[in-house]
């Protein structure tokens, strides 16, 4: 086993070899742009790492990791269009730097290319990877639709929200790990267990993302702080505030989420005050810890050496304490 930094370095070096200039430039340059914005490469790193958890060679997982990273960035391009987001990782989003049509088409091309990476594997492995990848891709789309549906609804339950983030975010983290397990020839029961580990870690990761969207440092977070509030997204923070707040507070919060004021900063400031006043911010931090611990519980029955379980646990703990 290697360090997370090792896998990040190796994957980034491999990715760089793929980011060559191609024609038509107007199609491929936006793809190179968003992939070049960096990030922690959480998902492809998990694919490489999990392959070695089960005694495989991380280099054999490069193409699966590329498929995951291309798919993830395809979804970011389209999500940013749907959210009208101005920033991604602290830089101008693709549809703002070019235009919406370019963003749609370049995103589509990334999705197609993601599938092409899987063609590098022998038929049996290719079949298993493709079935998992297609299932995951459809679930991500379902999660995105749930997210959009919630915007038009008055009430969203905590259970509904958790299902949405499971599909929109967590299943891709889980699939990243299971793909590594498939390449590493892990037994089917261990493939399922490592998937469950990734699923719970992914839920914790998204809840942390929700929290940082409101309370993160804008210089470190890399995205517009309060973006979810401005877009009236019904996040865990919002749902918990309605659950825990007084009648007056919940009425005010609903009113704030029904408007798009010219001075968005004032709205963001007041909503954040409500999140803290109601205890929703602490409830969100508790939920992050709960799902992280739930992921750790899945490690106990995983058929790998204890020292490898320690690596996974350290990875989860690092995510829980992240600021970006």
Protein backbone atom coordinates (compact mmCIF):
# COMPACT_ATOMS: atom_id res chain seq x y z
CA UNK A 1 0.00 0.00 0.00
CA UNK A 2 1.06 3.55 -0.72
CA UNK A 3 0.08 6.95 0.65
CA UNK A 4 -2.86 8.95 -0.69
CA UNK A 5 -0.36 11.53 -1.98
CA UNK A 6 1.39 8.76 -3.95
CA UNK A 7 -1.81 7.76 -5.74
CA UNK A 8 -2.69 11.40 -6.39
CA UNK A 9 0.70 12.04 -7.93
CA UNK A 10 0.59 8.92 -10.09
CA UNK A 11 -2.95 9.54 -11.28
CA UNK A 12 -2.28 13.20 -12.08
CA UNK A 13 0.78 12.20 -14.09
CA UNK A 14 -1.27 9.64 -16.03
CA UNK A 15 -4.10 12.14 -16.57
CA UNK A 16 -1.65 14.69 -17.92
CA UNK A 17 -0.62 12.30 -20.70
CA UNK A 18 -4.26 12.21 -21.83
CA UNK A 19 -4.80 15.97 -21.87
CA UNK A 20 -3.37 16.57 -25.32
CA UNK A 21 -4.73 19.16 -27.74
CA UNK A 22 -7.25 17.72 -30.18
CA UNK A 23 -9.52 18.96 -32.92
CA UNK A 24 -12.01 20.52 -32.86
CA UNK A 25 -10.41 22.68 -30.18
CA UNK A 26 -13.79 24.19 -29.26
CA UNK A 27 -14.99 20.71 -28.16
CA UNK A 28 -11.88 19.41 -26.41
CA UNK A 29 -10.44 22.57 -24.85
CA UNK A 30 -13.27 22.89 -22.28
CA UNK A 31 -12.66 19.24 -21.33
CA UNK A 32 -8.94 19.93 -20.84
CA UNK A 33 -9.83 23.08 -18.91
CA UNK A 34 -12.07 21.48 -16.27
CA UNK A 35 -9.79 18.45 -15.87
CA UNK A 36 -6.87 20.83 -15.45
CA UNK A 37 -8.51 22.70 -12.57
CA UNK A 38 -7.12 20.14 -10.15
CA UNK A 39 -8.89 18.96 -7.05
CA UNK A 40 -8.02 16.10 -4.73
CA UNK A 41 -8.98 13.42 -7.30
CA UNK A 42 -10.83 11.63 -4.50
CA UNK A 43 -12.67 9.15 -6.72
CA UNK A 44 -9.86 7.96 -9.01
CA UNK A 45 -7.49 7.76 -6.03
CA UNK A 46 -9.97 5.43 -4.34
CA UNK A 47 -10.02 3.24 -7.44
CA UNK A 48 -6.22 2.91 -7.45
CA UNK A 49 -6.06 2.43 -3.68
CA UNK A 50 -8.79 -0.22 -3.59
CA UNK A 51 -7.14 -2.21 -6.37
CA UNK A 52 -4.07 -2.54 -4.14
CA UNK A 53 -6.18 -3.32 -1.08
CA UNK A 54 -6.90 -6.63 -2.78
CA UNK A 55 -3.33 -7.28 -3.96
CA UNK A 56 -3.82 -5.87 -7.46
CA UNK A 57 -1.47 -3.48 -9.23
CA UNK A 58 -2.68 0.13 -9.07
CA UNK A 59 -1.41 0.70 -12.63
CA UNK A 60 -3.99 -1.79 -13.89
CA UNK A 61 -6.69 0.53 -12.56
CA UNK A 62 -5.61 3.65 -14.45
CA UNK A 63 -8.25 3.40 -17.18
CA UNK A 64 -11.08 2.71 -14.72
CA UNK A 65 -9.89 5.68 -12.65
CA UNK A 66 -9.90 7.81 -15.80
CA UNK A 67 -13.47 6.71 -16.54
CA UNK A 68 -14.52 7.76 -13.05
CA UNK A 69 -12.77 11.13 -13.27
CA UNK A 70 -14.15 11.92 -16.74
CA UNK A 71 -17.66 10.98 -15.65
CA UNK A 72 -17.37 13.06 -12.47
CA UNK A 73 -16.22 16.12 -14.40
CA UNK A 74 -18.91 15.63 -17.04
CA UNK A 75 -21.47 15.79 -14.23
CA UNK A 76 -19.84 18.93 -12.83
CA UNK A 77 -20.08 20.75 -16.16
CA UNK A 78 -23.77 19.94 -16.47
CA UNK A 79 -24.50 20.60 -12.78
CA UNK A 80 -22.90 24.03 -13.06
CA UNK A 81 -25.10 24.82 -16.05
CA UNK A 82 -28.25 23.73 -14.19
CA UNK A 83 -27.22 25.67 -11.07
CA UNK A 84 -26.01 28.72 -13.03
CA UNK A 85 -22.83 28.47 -10.95
CA UNK A 86 -20.12 31.06 -11.69
CA UNK A 87 -17.20 29.25 -10.02
CA UNK A 88 -15.78 25.73 -9.89
CA UNK A 89 -12.64 25.10 -7.81
CA UNK A 90 -12.14 28.85 -7.61
CA UNK A 91 -12.15 29.32 -11.39
CA UNK A 92 -14.75 30.33 -13.95
CA UNK A 93 -17.13 27.49 -14.82
CA UNK A 94 -17.06 26.04 -18.34
CA UNK A 95 -20.41 27.49 -19.44
CA UNK A 96 -19.38 30.94 -18.19
CA UNK A 97 -15.92 30.81 -19.81
CA UNK A 98 -17.36 29.60 -23.13
CA UNK A 99 -21.15 29.27 -23.40
CA UNK A 100 -23.97 26.90 -22.43
CA UNK A 101 -24.03 25.01 -25.72
CA UNK A 102 -20.29 24.34 -25.49
CA UNK A 103 -20.70 23.16 -21.92
CA UNK A 104 -23.46 20.72 -22.90
CA UNK A 105 -21.57 19.26 -25.85
CA UNK A 106 -18.18 19.03 -24.13
CA UNK A 107 -19.87 17.38 -21.15
CA UNK A 108 -21.53 14.85 -23.47
CA UNK A 109 -18.15 14.08 -25.06
CA UNK A 110 -16.62 13.48 -21.63
CA UNK A 111 -19.36 10.97 -20.81
CA UNK A 112 -18.73 9.05 -24.03
CA UNK A 113 -14.99 9.06 -23.44
CA UNK A 114 -15.51 7.77 -19.90
CA UNK A 115 -17.06 4.60 -21.33
CA UNK A 116 -14.29 4.26 -23.88
CA UNK A 117 -11.67 4.01 -21.12
CA UNK A 118 -13.32 0.80 -19.88
CA UNK A 119 -12.64 -0.86 -23.24
CA UNK A 120 -9.05 -1.41 -22.08
CA UNK A 121 -10.11 -4.37 -19.89
CA UNK A 122 -10.58 -8.02 -20.79
CA UNK A 123 -14.19 -9.10 -21.51
CA UNK A 124 -15.06 -10.47 -18.07
CA UNK A 125 -13.72 -7.46 -16.16
CA UNK A 126 -15.13 -5.08 -18.79
CA UNK A 127 -18.59 -6.58 -18.33
CA UNK A 128 -18.53 -6.20 -14.54
CA UNK A 129 -17.15 -2.66 -14.74
CA UNK A 130 -19.66 -1.61 -17.41
CA UNK A 131 -22.67 -2.98 -15.53
CA UNK A 132 -21.59 -1.13 -12.37
CA UNK A 133 -20.68 2.05 -14.27
CA UNK A 134 -24.01 2.22 -16.14
CA UNK A 135 -26.01 1.56 -12.97
CA UNK A 136 -24.06 4.29 -11.18
CA UNK A 137 -24.44 6.77 -14.05
CA UNK A 138 -28.21 6.32 -14.05
CA UNK A 139 -28.38 6.72 -10.28
CA UNK A 140 -26.40 9.97 -10.50
CA UNK A 141 -28.94 11.27 -13.03
CA UNK A 142 -31.78 10.20 -10.74
CA UNK A 143 -30.10 12.00 -7.85
CA UNK A 144 -29.75 15.17 -9.90
CA UNK A 145 -33.45 15.00 -10.84
CA UNK A 146 -34.43 14.57 -7.19
CA UNK A 147 -32.29 17.62 -6.40
CA UNK A 148 -34.08 19.70 -9.04
CA UNK A 149 -37.50 18.41 -7.96
CA UNK A 150 -36.82 19.50 -4.39
CA UNK A 151 -36.37 23.08 -5.52
CA UNK A 152 -40.04 23.26 -6.52
CA UNK A 153 -41.36 21.53 -3.39
CA UNK A 154 -42.41 23.15 -0.13
CA UNK A 155 -41.46 20.17 2.04
CA UNK A 156 -38.52 17.78 1.81
CA UNK A 157 -37.96 15.14 4.45
CA UNK A 158 -34.53 14.29 5.83
CA UNK A 159 -34.87 10.72 4.50
CA UNK A 160 -35.64 12.04 1.00
CA UNK A 161 -32.65 14.35 1.12
CA UNK A 162 -30.32 11.55 2.21
CA UNK A 163 -31.57 9.38 -0.66
CA UNK A 164 -30.89 12.23 -3.08
CA UNK A 165 -27.29 12.72 -1.96
CA UNK A 166 -26.75 8.97 -1.91
CA UNK A 167 -27.65 8.83 -5.61
CA UNK A 168 -26.17 12.14 -6.71
CA UNK A 169 -22.83 11.83 -4.92
CA UNK A 170 -22.25 8.77 -2.76
CA UNK A 171 -22.86 6.05 -5.36
CA UNK A 172 -19.97 7.37 -7.47
CA UNK A 173 -17.60 7.18 -4.50
CA UNK A 174 -18.85 3.65 -3.79
CA UNK A 175 -18.49 2.63 -7.43
CA UNK A 176 -14.96 4.05 -7.54
CA UNK A 177 -13.99 1.64 -4.78
CA UNK A 178 -15.88 -1.35 -6.12
CA UNK A 179 -14.28 -0.88 -9.55
CA UNK A 180 -10.88 -1.11 -7.87
CA UNK A 181 -12.03 -4.26 -6.06
CA UNK A 182 -13.19 -5.79 -9.36
CA UNK A 183 -9.82 -5.07 -10.99
CA UNK A 184 -8.04 -6.44 -7.90
CA UNK A 185 -10.04 -9.70 -8.24
CA UNK A 186 -11.65 -9.33 -4.80
CA UNK A 187 -14.32 -11.88 -3.81
CA UNK A 188 -17.89 -10.73 -4.51
CA UNK A 189 -18.73 -10.34 -0.81
CA UNK A 190 -15.71 -8.07 -0.29
CA UNK A 191 -16.68 -6.08 -3.38
CA UNK A 192 -20.08 -5.47 -1.75
CA UNK A 193 -18.53 -4.51 1.60
CA UNK A 194 -16.09 -2.04 0.09
CA UNK A 195 -18.98 -0.56 -1.89
CA UNK A 196 -20.92 -0.02 1.36
CA UNK A 197 -17.85 1.61 2.91
CA UNK A 198 -17.63 4.02 -0.03
CA UNK A 199 -21.37 4.69 0.02
CA UNK A 200 -21.39 5.83 3.65
CA UNK A 201 -18.17 7.78 3.17
CA UNK A 202 -19.75 9.47 0.15
CA UNK A 203 -22.82 10.51 2.16
CA UNK A 204 -20.54 11.99 4.84
CA UNK A 205 -18.54 13.74 2.11
CA UNK A 206 -21.64 15.39 0.62
CA UNK A 207 -22.95 16.48 4.00
CA UNK A 208 -19.54 18.02 4.63
CA UNK A 209 -19.79 19.74 1.24
CA UNK A 210 -23.19 21.17 2.24
CA UNK A 211 -21.72 22.44 5.49
CA UNK A 212 -18.70 24.00 3.81
CA UNK A 213 -20.91 25.68 1.21
CA UNK A 214 -22.35 27.72 4.05
CA UNK A 215 -19.53 27.88 6.58
CA UNK A 216 -16.34 27.23 4.63
CA UNK A 217 -13.54 29.70 3.96
CA UNK A 218 -14.09 31.05 0.40
CA UNK A 219 -10.33 31.13 -0.24
CA UNK A 220 -10.01 27.45 0.67
CA UNK A 221 -13.37 26.10 -0.48
CA UNK A 222 -12.90 27.13 -4.11
CA UNK A 223 -16.61 27.78 -4.74
CA UNK A 224 -18.99 30.63 -4.04
CA UNK A 225 -19.80 30.56 -0.31
CA UNK A 226 -23.53 30.47 0.25
CA UNK A 227 -24.22 29.26 -3.28
CA UNK A 228 -26.78 26.73 -2.04
CA UNK A 229 -28.53 29.44 -0.03
CA UNK A 230 -28.63 31.83 -2.97
CA UNK A 231 -30.11 29.07 -5.15
CA UNK A 232 -32.63 28.17 -2.40
CA UNK A 233 -31.39 24.59 -2.26
CA UNK A 234 -33.03 22.50 0.43
CA UNK A 235 -29.89 21.08 2.01
CA UNK A 236 -29.57 19.13 5.25
CA UNK A 237 -28.93 22.45 7.02
CA UNK A 238 -32.17 23.92 5.72
CA UNK A 239 -34.31 20.83 6.41
CA UNK A 240 -32.96 20.49 9.95
CA UNK A 241 -33.58 24.20 10.61
CA UNK A 242 -37.25 23.78 9.71
CA UNK A 243 -37.39 20.71 11.94
CA UNK A 244 -35.73 22.36 14.95
CA UNK A 245 -36.68 26.03 14.66
CA UNK A 246 -39.49 27.96 16.28
CA UNK A 247 -42.59 28.94 14.29
CA UNK A 248 -41.27 32.48 13.76
CA UNK A 249 -37.83 31.28 12.69
CA UNK A 250 -39.16 28.69 10.26
CA UNK A 251 -41.52 31.28 8.76
CA UNK A 252 -38.63 33.67 8.25
CA UNK A 253 -36.48 30.94 6.72
CA UNK A 254 -39.22 29.96 4.28
CA UNK A 255 -39.63 33.62 3.32
CA UNK A 256 -35.89 33.99 2.73
CA UNK A 257 -35.93 30.88 0.50
CA UNK A 258 -38.77 32.30 -1.59
CA UNK A 259 -36.84 35.35 -2.79
CA UNK A 260 -33.81 36.29 -4.85
CA UNK A 261 -32.74 39.63 -3.34
CA UNK A 262 -30.38 42.00 -5.09
CA UNK A 263 -28.11 41.96 -2.04
CA UNK A 264 -27.51 38.22 -1.79
CA UNK A 265 -24.85 38.64 0.91
CA UNK A 266 -27.44 39.83 3.42
CA UNK A 267 -29.64 36.80 2.72
CA UNK A 268 -26.70 34.43 3.09
CA UNK A 269 -25.63 36.06 6.35
CA UNK A 270 -29.10 35.82 7.89
CA UNK A 271 -29.73 32.24 6.77
CA UNK A 272 -26.39 31.16 8.24
CA UNK A 273 -27.38 32.82 11.53
CA UNK A 274 -30.61 30.79 11.50
CA UNK A 275 -28.72 27.57 10.76
CA UNK A 276 -26.57 28.17 13.84
CA UNK A 277 -29.37 29.48 16.03
CA UNK A 278 -31.55 26.41 15.37
CA UNK A 279 -28.70 24.00 15.95
CA UNK A 280 -28.82 22.76 12.37
CA UNK A 281 -25.10 23.42 11.88
CA UNK A 282 -24.25 21.15 14.82
CA UNK A 283 -26.77 18.54 13.64
CA UNK A 284 -25.05 18.52 10.25
CA UNK A 285 -21.64 18.02 11.83
CA UNK A 286 -23.10 15.18 13.89
CA UNK A 287 -24.51 13.56 10.75
CA UNK A 288 -21.10 13.82 9.05
CA UNK A 289 -19.55 12.01 12.01
CA UNK A 290 -22.35 9.40 12.06
CA UNK A 291 -21.93 8.36 8.41
CA UNK A 292 -18.16 8.42 8.69
CA UNK A 293 -18.36 6.05 11.66
CA UNK A 294 -20.87 3.91 9.77
CA UNK A 295 -18.32 3.62 6.98
CA UNK A 296 -15.65 2.62 9.48
CA UNK A 297 -17.96 -0.09 10.85
CA UNK A 298 -18.03 -1.65 7.37
CA UNK A 299 -14.27 -2.08 7.56
CA UNK A 300 -14.46 -4.51 10.45
CA UNK A 301 -15.76 -7.44 8.37
CA UNK A 302 -13.68 -6.64 5.29
CA UNK A 303 -11.27 -9.48 4.45
CA UNK A 304 -8.07 -7.45 4.26
CA UNK A 305 -5.11 -7.06 6.66
CA UNK A 306 -5.57 -4.66 9.60
CA UNK A 307 -2.85 -2.32 8.38
CA UNK A 308 -4.81 -1.76 5.18
CA UNK A 309 -7.96 -1.00 7.16
CA UNK A 310 -5.96 1.66 9.01
CA UNK A 311 -5.13 3.32 5.68
CA UNK A 312 -8.83 3.50 4.77
CA UNK A 313 -9.77 4.81 8.19
CA UNK A 314 -7.12 7.53 8.00
CA UNK A 315 -8.46 8.50 4.60
CA UNK A 316 -11.99 8.84 6.00
CA UNK A 317 -10.78 10.86 8.98
CA UNK A 318 -8.92 13.22 6.65
CA UNK A 319 -12.11 13.78 4.63
CA UNK A 320 -14.07 14.50 7.79
CA UNK A 321 -11.66 17.24 8.76
CA UNK A 322 -11.29 18.79 5.30
CA UNK A 323 -11.79 22.50 4.61
CA UNK A 324 -12.08 22.19 0.83
